[in-house]
Amino acid sequence: MGQPTCPGFMEHHRRQKPLQLNYFVGQLPDDIDSLSQKLNLLDLTGNNFSEDILKSVGQLKELRTLRFTQNLFNGVFPSEISDLSMLEELQLSFNLFHDVEIPDLFEELRMLRILWMRQCNLIGRIPESFVNLSSLEHLDMMGNDLGGTIPSGLFQLKNLSYLYLFSNQLSGGLPGPIGCFNLLEMDLSGNNLIGRILEVFGEVKQLRILHLFDNQLNGTIPASLGLLPSLEEFHL
């Protein structure tokens, strides 16, 4: 039996059967915007879709969850994704995007809580405009080729709980001051960070996991880190 291709895609979805972890191949169908305008979740995880993510995805205005993880997409991010103003979760990890920079358009997604872009060939810098993602709770961009400094605005996101930026080419010092006091896990290991560990990290009382190894940090370890009541893992 051969692999199913896109012609059966729409009928499959209209019957509300899950599409993740199948063997769909090829480009997304041109009429993907003909799905119900009330659709709030589109999950294509673990298939073999390729080429570009179509602009017509931006017509699904009620989407709250969009998961394209673990496919073979190799184009760029369509700017129309910024039209999904209700979007709360965007997963694009484990794709083959060709040296794509993170677009500033993501700053329009003000309701976004989860942004998962692990190992998808990202280059360039983390946009300063991420400071506008005030609802963001989970940011994962590990295993890419991101460079430049970490925007100080990331550490001002009050709802941020999980920050994973390990295995990139980030440089400069750890930004401060810190306003993300709900942070539970932070992994910045495997970059080119320099300078000292800021004393202010000792004020993030809920912090459970802090990984900073494989950088070029120096100086003394702040005594306040040893007083964090919830700290379970601290790797330097």
C-alpha atoms as a PDB file:
ATOM      1  CA  MET A   1       0.000   0.000   0.000  1.00  0.00           C
ATOM      2  CA  GLY A   2       1.384   3.429  -0.907  1.00  0.00           C
ATOM      3  CA  GLN A   3       1.521   6.486   1.304  1.00  0.00           C
ATOM      4  CA  PRO A   4      -1.624   8.629   1.494  1.00  0.00           C
ATOM      5  CA  THR A   5      -1.307  11.930  -0.297  1.00  0.00           C
ATOM      6  CA  CYS A   6      -3.059  15.254   0.061  1.00  0.00           C
ATOM      7  CA  PRO A   7      -6.301  14.562  -1.898  1.00  0.00           C
ATOM      8  CA  GLY A   8      -7.656  12.606   1.059  1.00  0.00           C
ATOM      9  CA  PHE A   9      -6.595  15.247   3.535  1.00  0.00           C
ATOM     10  CA  MET A  10      -9.756  17.351   3.625  1.00  0.00           C
ATOM     11  CA  GLU A  11     -12.156  14.453   3.975  1.00  0.00           C
ATOM     12  CA  HIS A  12     -10.012  13.032   6.731  1.00  0.00           C
ATOM     13  CA  HIS A  13     -10.121  16.272   8.650  1.00  0.00           C
ATOM     14  CA  ARG A  14     -13.830  16.930   8.131  1.00  0.00           C
ATOM     15  CA  ARG A  15     -14.515  13.678   9.913  1.00  0.00           C
ATOM     16  CA  GLN A  16     -12.522  15.128  12.817  1.00  0.00           C
ATOM     17  CA  LYS A  17     -10.041  12.295  12.951  1.00  0.00           C
ATOM     18  CA  PRO A  18      -6.545  13.162  14.174  1.00  0.00           C
ATOM     19  CA  LEU A  19      -3.948  13.815  11.458  1.00  0.00           C
ATOM     20  CA  GLN A  20      -0.805  13.671  13.542  1.00  0.00           C
ATOM     21  CA  LEU A  21       1.579  10.712  13.239  1.00  0.00           C
ATOM     22  CA  ASN A  22       0.416   9.621   9.795  1.00  0.00           C
ATOM     23  CA  TYR A  23       2.247   9.426   6.460  1.00  0.00           C
ATOM     24  CA  PHE A  24       0.785  12.329   4.505  1.00  0.00           C
ATOM     25  CA  VAL A  25       3.301  13.655   1.975  1.00  0.00           C
ATOM     26  CA  GLY A  26       3.730  16.562  -0.421  1.00  0.00           C
ATOM     27  CA  GLN A  27       2.627  20.155  -0.097  1.00  0.00           C
ATOM     28  CA  LEU A  28      -0.312  21.244   2.005  1.00  0.00           C
ATOM     29  CA  PRO A  29      -3.471  21.391  -0.140  1.00  0.00           C
ATOM     30  CA  ASP A  30      -4.216  24.754  -1.726  1.00  0.00           C
ATOM     31  CA  ASP A  31      -7.713  24.776  -0.272  1.00  0.00           C
ATOM     32  CA  ILE A  32      -6.665  24.325   3.338  1.00  0.00           C
ATOM     33  CA  ASP A  33      -8.521  27.557   4.078  1.00  0.00           C
ATOM     34  CA  SER A  34     -11.769  25.752   3.144  1.00  0.00           C
ATOM     35  CA  LEU A  35     -11.685  24.032   6.509  1.00  0.00           C
ATOM     36  CA  SER A  36     -14.288  25.301   8.945  1.00  0.00           C
ATOM     37  CA  GLN A  37     -13.772  28.927   9.893  1.00  0.00           C
ATOM     38  CA  LYS A  38     -14.559  27.810  13.432  1.00  0.00           C
ATOM     39  CA  LEU A  39     -11.533  25.487  13.471  1.00  0.00           C
ATOM     40  CA  ASN A  40      -9.456  26.180  16.579  1.00  0.00           C
ATOM     41  CA  LEU A  41      -6.866  23.364  16.410  1.00  0.00           C
ATOM     42  CA  LEU A  42      -4.847  22.145  13.420  1.00  0.00           C
ATOM     43  CA  ASP A  43      -2.327  19.427  14.302  1.00  0.00           C
ATOM     44  CA  LEU A  44      -0.208  17.927  11.498  1.00  0.00           C
ATOM     45  CA  THR A  45       2.590  16.688  13.769  1.00  0.00           C
ATOM     46  CA  GLY A  46       4.711  13.774  12.602  1.00  0.00           C
ATOM     47  CA  ASN A  47       3.864  13.629   8.910  1.00  0.00           C
ATOM     48  CA  ASN A  48       5.957  14.234   5.779  1.00  0.00           C
ATOM     49  CA  PHE A  49       4.471  17.470   4.479  1.00  0.00           C
ATOM     50  CA  SER A  50       7.083  19.483   2.594  1.00  0.00           C
ATOM     51  CA  GLU A  51       7.761  22.689   0.644  1.00  0.00           C
ATOM     52  CA  ASP A  52       6.191  25.909   1.935  1.00  0.00           C
ATOM     53  CA  ILE A  53       3.619  26.516   4.629  1.00  0.00           C
ATOM     54  CA  LEU A  54       0.839  28.042   2.537  1.00  0.00           C
ATOM     55  CA  LYS A  55      -0.301  31.630   2.998  1.00  0.00           C
ATOM     56  CA  SER A  56      -3.894  30.412   3.113  1.00  0.00           C
ATOM     57  CA  VAL A  57      -3.279  29.090   6.634  1.00  0.00           C
ATOM     58  CA  GLY A  58      -3.645  32.706   7.682  1.00  0.00           C
ATOM     59  CA  GLN A  59      -7.330  32.578   6.707  1.00  0.00           C
ATOM     60  CA  LEU A  60      -8.165  30.217   9.589  1.00  0.00           C
ATOM     61  CA  LYS A  61      -8.860  33.151  11.860  1.00  0.00           C
ATOM     62  CA  GLU A  62     -10.169  31.176  14.842  1.00  0.00           C
ATOM     63  CA  LEU A  63      -7.097  28.973  15.215  1.00  0.00           C
ATOM     64  CA  ARG A  64      -5.772  28.815  18.737  1.00  0.00           C
ATOM     65  CA  THR A  65      -3.379  25.885  18.245  1.00  0.00           C
ATOM     66  CA  LEU A  66      -1.203  25.274  15.174  1.00  0.00           C
ATOM     67  CA  ARG A  67       1.175  22.302  15.259  1.00  0.00           C
ATOM     68  CA  PHE A  68       3.398  21.585  12.250  1.00  0.00           C
ATOM     69  CA  THR A  69       6.142  19.842  14.235  1.00  0.00           C
ATOM     70  CA  GLN A  70       8.235  17.047  12.735  1.00  0.00           C
ATOM     71  CA  ASN A  71       7.505  17.398   9.036  1.00  0.00           C
ATOM     72  CA  LEU A  72       9.688  18.272   6.050  1.00  0.00           C
ATOM     73  CA  PHE A  73       8.707  21.911   5.509  1.00  0.00           C
ATOM     74  CA  ASN A  74      11.650  23.657   3.873  1.00  0.00           C
ATOM     75  CA  GLY A  75      10.443  27.096   2.807  1.00  0.00           C
ATOM     76  CA  VAL A  76       9.885  30.230   4.874  1.00  0.00           C
ATOM     77  CA  PHE A  77       7.249  31.358   7.343  1.00  0.00           C
ATOM     78  CA  PRO A  78       4.382  33.117   5.543  1.00  0.00           C
ATOM     79  CA  SER A  79       3.706  36.583   6.909  1.00  0.00           C
ATOM     80  CA  GLU A  80       0.015  35.651   7.019  1.00  0.00           C
ATOM     81  CA  ILE A  81       0.663  33.703  10.229  1.00  0.00           C
ATOM     82  CA  SER A  82       0.561  37.100  11.928  1.00  0.00           C
ATOM     83  CA  ASP A  83      -3.145  37.305  10.957  1.00  0.00           C
ATOM     84  CA  LEU A  84      -3.933  34.501  13.431  1.00  0.00           C
ATOM     85  CA  SER A  85      -4.621  36.918  16.251  1.00  0.00           C
ATOM     86  CA  MET A  86      -6.288  34.251  18.415  1.00  0.00           C
ATOM     87  CA  LEU A  87      -3.299  31.890  18.254  1.00  0.00           C
ATOM     88  CA  GLU A  88      -2.101  30.629  21.637  1.00  0.00           C
ATOM     89  CA  GLU A  89       0.208  27.787  20.598  1.00  0.00           C
ATOM     90  CA  LEU A  90       2.562  27.616  17.597  1.00  0.00           C
ATOM     91  CA  GLN A  91       4.779  24.571  17.084  1.00  0.00           C
ATOM     92  CA  LEU A  92       7.191  24.457  14.137  1.00  0.00           C
ATOM     93  CA  SER A  93       9.995  22.301  15.559  1.00  0.00           C
ATOM     94  CA  PHE A  94      11.951  19.612  13.714  1.00  0.00           C
ATOM     95  CA  ASN A  95      11.440  20.850  10.172  1.00  0.00           C
ATOM     96  CA  LEU A  96      13.906  21.613   7.363  1.00  0.00           C
ATOM     97  CA  PHE A  97      13.360  25.352   6.925  1.00  0.00           C
ATOM     98  CA  HIS A  98      16.227  26.757   4.882  1.00  0.00           C
ATOM     99  CA  ASP A  99      18.206  29.230   7.013  1.00  0.00           C
ATOM    100  CA  VAL A 100      15.166  31.174   8.165  1.00  0.00           C
ATOM    101  CA  GLU A 101      15.302  34.257  10.369  1.00  0.00           C
ATOM    102  CA  ILE A 102      12.625  34.674  13.015  1.00  0.00           C
ATOM    103  CA  PRO A 103      10.175  37.188  11.533  1.00  0.00           C
ATOM    104  CA  ASP A 104       9.161  40.291  13.445  1.00  0.00           C
ATOM    105  CA  LEU A 105       5.593  39.421  12.477  1.00  0.00           C
ATOM    106  CA  PHE A 106       5.408  37.101  15.485  1.00  0.00           C
ATOM    107  CA  GLU A 107       5.035  40.184  17.677  1.00  0.00           C
ATOM    108  CA  GLU A 108       1.463  40.464  16.371  1.00  0.00           C
ATOM    109  CA  LEU A 109       0.556  37.206  18.130  1.00  0.00           C
ATOM    110  CA  ARG A 110      -0.257  38.869  21.443  1.00  0.00           C
ATOM    111  CA  MET A 111      -2.178  35.856  22.819  1.00  0.00           C
ATOM    112  CA  LEU A 112       0.655  33.398  22.110  1.00  0.00           C
ATOM    113  CA  ARG A 113       1.488  31.267  25.146  1.00  0.00           C
ATOM    114  CA  ILE A 114       3.649  28.530  23.592  1.00  0.00           C
ATOM    115  CA  LEU A 115       6.246  29.042  20.851  1.00  0.00           C
ATOM    116  CA  TRP A 116       8.163  25.873  20.029  1.00  0.00           C
ATOM    117  CA  MET A 117      10.780  26.211  17.258  1.00  0.00           C
ATOM    118  CA  ARG A 118      13.347  23.580  18.191  1.00  0.00           C
ATOM    119  CA  GLN A 119      15.843  22.422  15.548  1.00  0.00           C
ATOM    120  CA  CYS A 120      14.394  24.079  12.478  1.00  0.00           C
ATOM    121  CA  ASN A 121      17.461  25.881  11.021  1.00  0.00           C
ATOM    122  CA  LEU A 122      16.794  29.315  12.482  1.00  0.00           C
ATOM    123  CA  ILE A 123      19.526  31.916  11.907  1.00  0.00           C
ATOM    124  CA  GLY A 124      19.968  35.580  12.783  1.00  0.00           C
ATOM    125  CA  ARG A 125      18.898  37.153  16.058  1.00  0.00           C
ATOM    126  CA  ILE A 126      16.028  36.759  18.471  1.00  0.00           C
ATOM    127  CA  PRO A 127      13.853  39.794  17.642  1.00  0.00           C
ATOM    128  CA  GLU A 128      13.688  42.589  20.191  1.00  0.00           C
ATOM    129  CA  SER A 129       9.972  42.683  19.378  1.00  0.00           C
ATOM    130  CA  PHE A 130       9.469  39.524  21.450  1.00  0.00           C
ATOM    131  CA  VAL A 131       9.038  41.891  24.392  1.00  0.00           C
ATOM    132  CA  ASN A 132       5.487  42.398  23.038  1.00  0.00           C
ATOM    133  CA  LEU A 133       4.565  38.730  23.554  1.00  0.00           C
ATOM    134  CA  SER A 134       3.174  39.466  26.984  1.00  0.00           C
ATOM    135  CA  SER A 135       1.221  36.184  27.234  1.00  0.00           C
ATOM    136  CA  LEU A 136       4.226  33.973  26.444  1.00  0.00           C
ATOM    137  CA  GLU A 137       4.783  31.136  28.923  1.00  0.00           C
ATOM    138  CA  HIS A 138       6.926  28.640  27.009  1.00  0.00           C
ATOM    139  CA  LEU A 139       9.696  29.592  24.553  1.00  0.00           C
ATOM    140  CA  ASP A 140      11.852  26.855  23.026  1.00  0.00           C
ATOM    141  CA  MET A 141      14.327  27.626  20.234  1.00  0.00           C
ATOM    142  CA  MET A 142      17.107  25.182  21.087  1.00  0.00           C
ATOM    143  CA  GLY A 143      19.355  23.540  18.518  1.00  0.00           C
ATOM    144  CA  ASN A 144      19.379  26.317  15.929  1.00  0.00           C
ATOM    145  CA  ASP A 145      22.059  28.770  14.769  1.00  0.00           C
ATOM    146  CA  LEU A 146      20.778  31.914  16.464  1.00  0.00           C
ATOM    147  CA  GLY A 147      23.395  34.543  17.243  1.00  0.00           C
ATOM    148  CA  GLY A 148      23.706  37.965  18.792  1.00  0.00           C
ATOM    149  CA  THR A 149      22.687  38.876  22.309  1.00  0.00           C
ATOM    150  CA  ILE A 150      19.639  37.691  24.223  1.00  0.00           C
ATOM    151  CA  PRO A 151      17.082  40.535  24.141  1.00  0.00           C
ATOM    152  CA  SER A 152      16.693  41.986  27.624  1.00  0.00           C
ATOM    153  CA  GLY A 153      12.954  42.141  27.010  1.00  0.00           C
ATOM    154  CA  LEU A 154      12.696  38.348  27.243  1.00  0.00           C
ATOM    155  CA  PHE A 155      13.478  38.583  30.940  1.00  0.00           C
ATOM    156  CA  GLN A 156      10.679  41.112  31.412  1.00  0.00           C
ATOM    157  CA  LEU A 157       7.927  38.723  30.272  1.00  0.00           C
ATOM    158  CA  LYS A 158       6.018  38.223  33.501  1.00  0.00           C
ATOM    159  CA  ASN A 159       4.261  35.017  32.404  1.00  0.00           C
ATOM    160  CA  LEU A 160       7.374  33.281  31.077  1.00  0.00           C
ATOM    161  CA  SER A 161       7.878  29.933  32.845  1.00  0.00           C
ATOM    162  CA  TYR A 162      10.053  27.898  30.450  1.00  0.00           C
ATOM    163  CA  LEU A 163      12.972  29.294  28.440  1.00  0.00           C
ATOM    164  CA  TYR A 164      15.094  26.935  26.338  1.00  0.00           C
ATOM    165  CA  LEU A 165      17.765  28.531  24.146  1.00  0.00           C
ATOM    166  CA  PHE A 166      20.543  25.958  24.483  1.00  0.00           C
ATOM    167  CA  SER A 167      22.779  24.871  21.580  1.00  0.00           C
ATOM    168  CA  ASN A 168      22.802  28.115  19.613  1.00  0.00           C
ATOM    169  CA  GLN A 169      25.486  30.777  19.006  1.00  0.00           C
ATOM    170  CA  LEU A 170      24.173  33.425  21.400  1.00  0.00           C
ATOM    171  CA  SER A 171      26.768  35.858  22.727  1.00  0.00           C
ATOM    172  CA  GLY A 172      27.129  38.710  25.180  1.00  0.00           C
ATOM    173  CA  GLY A 173      26.188  38.743  28.833  1.00  0.00           C
ATOM    174  CA  LEU A 174      23.134  37.563  30.680  1.00  0.00           C
ATOM    175  CA  PRO A 175      20.595  40.369  30.381  1.00  0.00           C
ATOM    176  CA  GLY A 176      19.108  42.137  33.340  1.00  0.00           C
ATOM    177  CA  PRO A 177      17.135  43.315  35.191  1.00  0.00           C
ATOM    178  CA  ILE A 178      14.709  40.427  35.543  1.00  0.00           C
ATOM    179  CA  GLY A 179      10.928  40.643  35.666  1.00  0.00           C
ATOM    180  CA  CYS A 180      10.045  37.030  34.869  1.00  0.00           C
ATOM    181  CA  PHE A 181       9.646  35.878  38.457  1.00  0.00           C
ATOM    182  CA  ASN A 182       7.420  32.953  37.401  1.00  0.00           C
ATOM    183  CA  LEU A 183      10.344  31.305  35.622  1.00  0.00           C
ATOM    184  CA  LEU A 184      10.559  27.585  36.444  1.00  0.00           C
ATOM    185  CA  GLU A 185      13.152  26.277  33.974  1.00  0.00           C
ATOM    186  CA  MET A 186      15.892  28.043  32.012  1.00  0.00           C
ATOM    187  CA  ASP A 187      18.517  26.391  29.829  1.00  0.00           C
ATOM    188  CA  LEU A 188      21.058  28.664  28.101  1.00  0.00           C
ATOM    189  CA  SER A 189      23.827  26.069  27.862  1.00  0.00           C
ATOM    190  CA  GLY A 190      25.933  25.498  24.760  1.00  0.00           C
ATOM    191  CA  ASN A 191      26.225  29.126  23.648  1.00  0.00           C
ATOM    192  CA  ASN A 192      28.959  31.799  23.744  1.00  0.00           C
ATOM    193  CA  LEU A 193      27.695  33.797  26.709  1.00  0.00           C
ATOM    194  CA  ILE A 194      30.260  35.792  28.678  1.00  0.00           C
ATOM    195  CA  GLY A 195      30.433  37.754  31.926  1.00  0.00           C
ATOM    196  CA  ARG A 196      28.981  37.077  35.336  1.00  0.00           C
ATOM    197  CA  ILE A 197      25.889  35.319  36.603  1.00  0.00           C
ATOM    198  CA  LEU A 198      23.653  38.082  37.876  1.00  0.00           C
ATOM    199  CA  GLU A 199      22.758  38.202  41.559  1.00  0.00           C
ATOM    200  CA  VAL A 200      19.183  38.969  40.567  1.00  0.00           C
ATOM    201  CA  PHE A 201      18.651  35.362  39.429  1.00  0.00           C
ATOM    202  CA  GLY A 202      18.501  34.562  43.132  1.00  0.00           C
ATOM    203  CA  GLU A 203      15.207  36.445  43.273  1.00  0.00           C
ATOM    204  CA  VAL A 204      13.448  33.985  40.962  1.00  0.00           C
ATOM    205  CA  LYS A 205      12.166  31.939  43.877  1.00  0.00           C
ATOM    206  CA  GLN A 206      10.272  29.330  41.842  1.00  0.00           C
ATOM    207  CA  LEU A 207      13.254  28.416  39.664  1.00  0.00           C
ATOM    208  CA  ARG A 208      13.728  24.632  39.517  1.00  0.00           C
ATOM    209  CA  ILE A 209      16.206  24.119  36.682  1.00  0.00           C
ATOM    210  CA  LEU A 210      19.086  26.404  35.677  1.00  0.00           C
ATOM    211  CA  HIS A 211      21.568  25.199  33.036  1.00  0.00           C
ATOM    212  CA  LEU A 212      24.411  27.531  32.028  1.00  0.00           C
ATOM    213  CA  PHE A 213      27.214  25.078  31.208  1.00  0.00           C
ATOM    214  CA  ASP A 214      29.334  25.187  28.018  1.00  0.00           C
ATOM    215  CA  ASN A 215      29.542  28.982  27.865  1.00  0.00           C
ATOM    216  CA  GLN A 216      32.319  31.429  28.762  1.00  0.00           C
ATOM    217  CA  LEU A 217      30.870  32.797  31.991  1.00  0.00           C
ATOM    218  CA  ASN A 218      33.232  33.862  34.751  1.00  0.00           C
ATOM    219  CA  GLY A 219      33.362  35.481  38.163  1.00  0.00           C
ATOM    220  CA  THR A 220      31.827  34.161  41.345  1.00  0.00           C
ATOM    221  CA  ILE A 221      28.601  32.231  41.752  1.00  0.00           C
ATOM    222  CA  PRO A 222      26.033  34.449  43.499  1.00  0.00           C
ATOM    223  CA  ALA A 223      25.315  33.203  47.006  1.00  0.00           C
ATOM    224  CA  SER A 224      21.627  33.938  46.429  1.00  0.00           C
ATOM    225  CA  LEU A 225      21.404  31.001  44.006  1.00  0.00           C
ATOM    226  CA  GLY A 226      22.214  28.627  46.834  1.00  0.00           C
ATOM    227  CA  LEU A 227      19.203  29.913  48.731  1.00  0.00           C
ATOM    228  CA  LEU A 228      16.642  29.233  46.026  1.00  0.00           C
ATOM    229  CA  PRO A 229      14.068  27.026  47.759  1.00  0.00           C
ATOM    230  CA  SER A 230      12.873  25.129  44.657  1.00  0.00           C
ATOM    231  CA  LEU A 231      16.150  24.633  42.787  1.00  0.00           C
ATOM    232  CA  GLU A 232      16.577  20.984  41.697  1.00  0.00           C
ATOM    233  CA  GLU A 233      19.182  21.212  38.896  1.00  0.00           C
ATOM    234  CA  PHE A 234      22.003  23.751  38.626  1.00  0.00           C
ATOM    235  CA  HIS A 235      24.561  22.895  35.925  1.00  0.00           C
ATOM    236  CA  LEU A 236      27.581  25.125  35.309  1.00  0.00           C
END
